[in-house]
């Protein structure tokens, strides 16, 4: 999971998140090819991008950071 514009809002958060997603996508494509060449199992991912307001904070006894977006 990643989030742009946190903890300080900025004007490039949308572009930053899309660029991060594209980098992750390319990395995973290369990783999957390498795994196949080594005759090892790989895995695929899906990337979703949410825009809009979120609530973020530490939740639970393990101090996990949680981010909740509005679902319509």
Protein backbone atom coordinates (compact mmCIF):
# COMPACT_ATOMS: atom_id res chain seq x y z
CA UNK A 1 0.00 0.00 0.00
CA UNK A 2 1.17 3.51 -0.66
CA UNK A 3 -0.42 6.91 -0.24
CA UNK A 4 0.45 10.23 -1.83
CA UNK A 5 0.05 13.65 -0.31
CA UNK A 6 0.54 12.38 3.24
CA UNK A 7 1.24 13.60 5.83
CA UNK A 8 1.39 16.98 4.08
CA UNK A 9 -0.92 17.69 1.16
CA UNK A 10 0.78 18.63 -2.11
CA UNK A 11 -0.18 19.32 -5.72
CA UNK A 12 1.68 16.36 -7.21
CA UNK A 13 0.17 13.52 -5.16
CA UNK A 14 -1.90 12.08 -8.02
CA UNK A 15 1.04 12.03 -10.42
CA UNK A 16 3.34 10.66 -7.71
CA UNK A 17 1.00 7.74 -7.00
CA UNK A 18 0.51 6.90 -10.70
CA UNK A 19 4.28 6.99 -11.29
CA UNK A 20 4.83 4.72 -8.27
CA UNK A 21 2.21 2.29 -9.60
CA UNK A 22 3.87 2.20 -13.02
CA UNK A 23 7.28 1.52 -11.45
CA UNK A 24 5.82 -1.28 -9.32
CA UNK A 25 4.08 -2.73 -12.38
CA UNK A 26 7.33 -2.76 -14.40
CA UNK A 27 9.28 -4.28 -11.50
CA UNK A 28 6.73 -7.07 -11.13
CA UNK A 29 6.73 -7.77 -14.88
CA UNK A 30 10.53 -8.16 -14.83
CA UNK A 31 10.41 -10.21 -11.62
CA UNK A 32 7.84 -12.60 -13.09
CA UNK A 33 9.96 -13.09 -16.24
CA UNK A 34 13.01 -13.85 -14.10
CA UNK A 35 11.08 -16.35 -11.98
CA UNK A 36 9.81 -18.13 -15.10
CA UNK A 37 13.37 -18.35 -16.51
CA UNK A 38 14.43 -19.97 -13.22
CA UNK A 39 11.49 -22.41 -13.45
CA UNK A 40 10.09 -20.99 -10.24
CA UNK A 41 6.57 -19.96 -9.42
CA UNK A 42 5.74 -16.30 -9.56
CA UNK A 43 2.75 -14.24 -8.64
CA UNK A 44 0.89 -11.37 -10.18
CA UNK A 45 -0.50 -8.24 -8.59
CA UNK A 46 -3.28 -5.79 -9.26
CA UNK A 47 -2.97 -2.09 -8.60
CA UNK A 48 -5.89 0.13 -7.65
CA UNK A 49 -5.73 3.85 -7.13
CA UNK A 50 -8.20 5.74 -4.97
CA UNK A 51 -8.51 9.50 -5.13
CA UNK A 52 -10.19 11.59 -2.54
CA UNK A 53 -10.26 12.09 1.17
CA UNK A 54 -8.85 9.45 3.50
CA UNK A 55 -8.57 8.94 7.22
CA UNK A 56 -5.23 7.58 8.43
CA UNK A 57 -4.00 6.58 11.85
CA UNK A 58 -2.49 3.95 14.11
CA UNK A 59 -4.94 1.17 14.96
CA UNK A 60 -4.72 -1.72 17.42
CA UNK A 61 -2.13 -3.06 19.79
CA UNK A 62 0.40 -3.79 17.02
CA UNK A 63 0.46 -0.11 16.02
CA UNK A 64 -0.50 -0.80 12.41
CA UNK A 65 -1.01 2.18 10.15
CA UNK A 66 -4.46 1.99 8.55
CA UNK A 67 -5.80 4.15 5.74
CA UNK A 68 -9.53 4.27 5.02
CA UNK A 69 -10.99 5.89 1.92
CA UNK A 70 -14.58 6.78 1.15
CA UNK A 71 -16.49 3.98 -0.60
CA UNK A 72 -19.39 4.98 -2.81
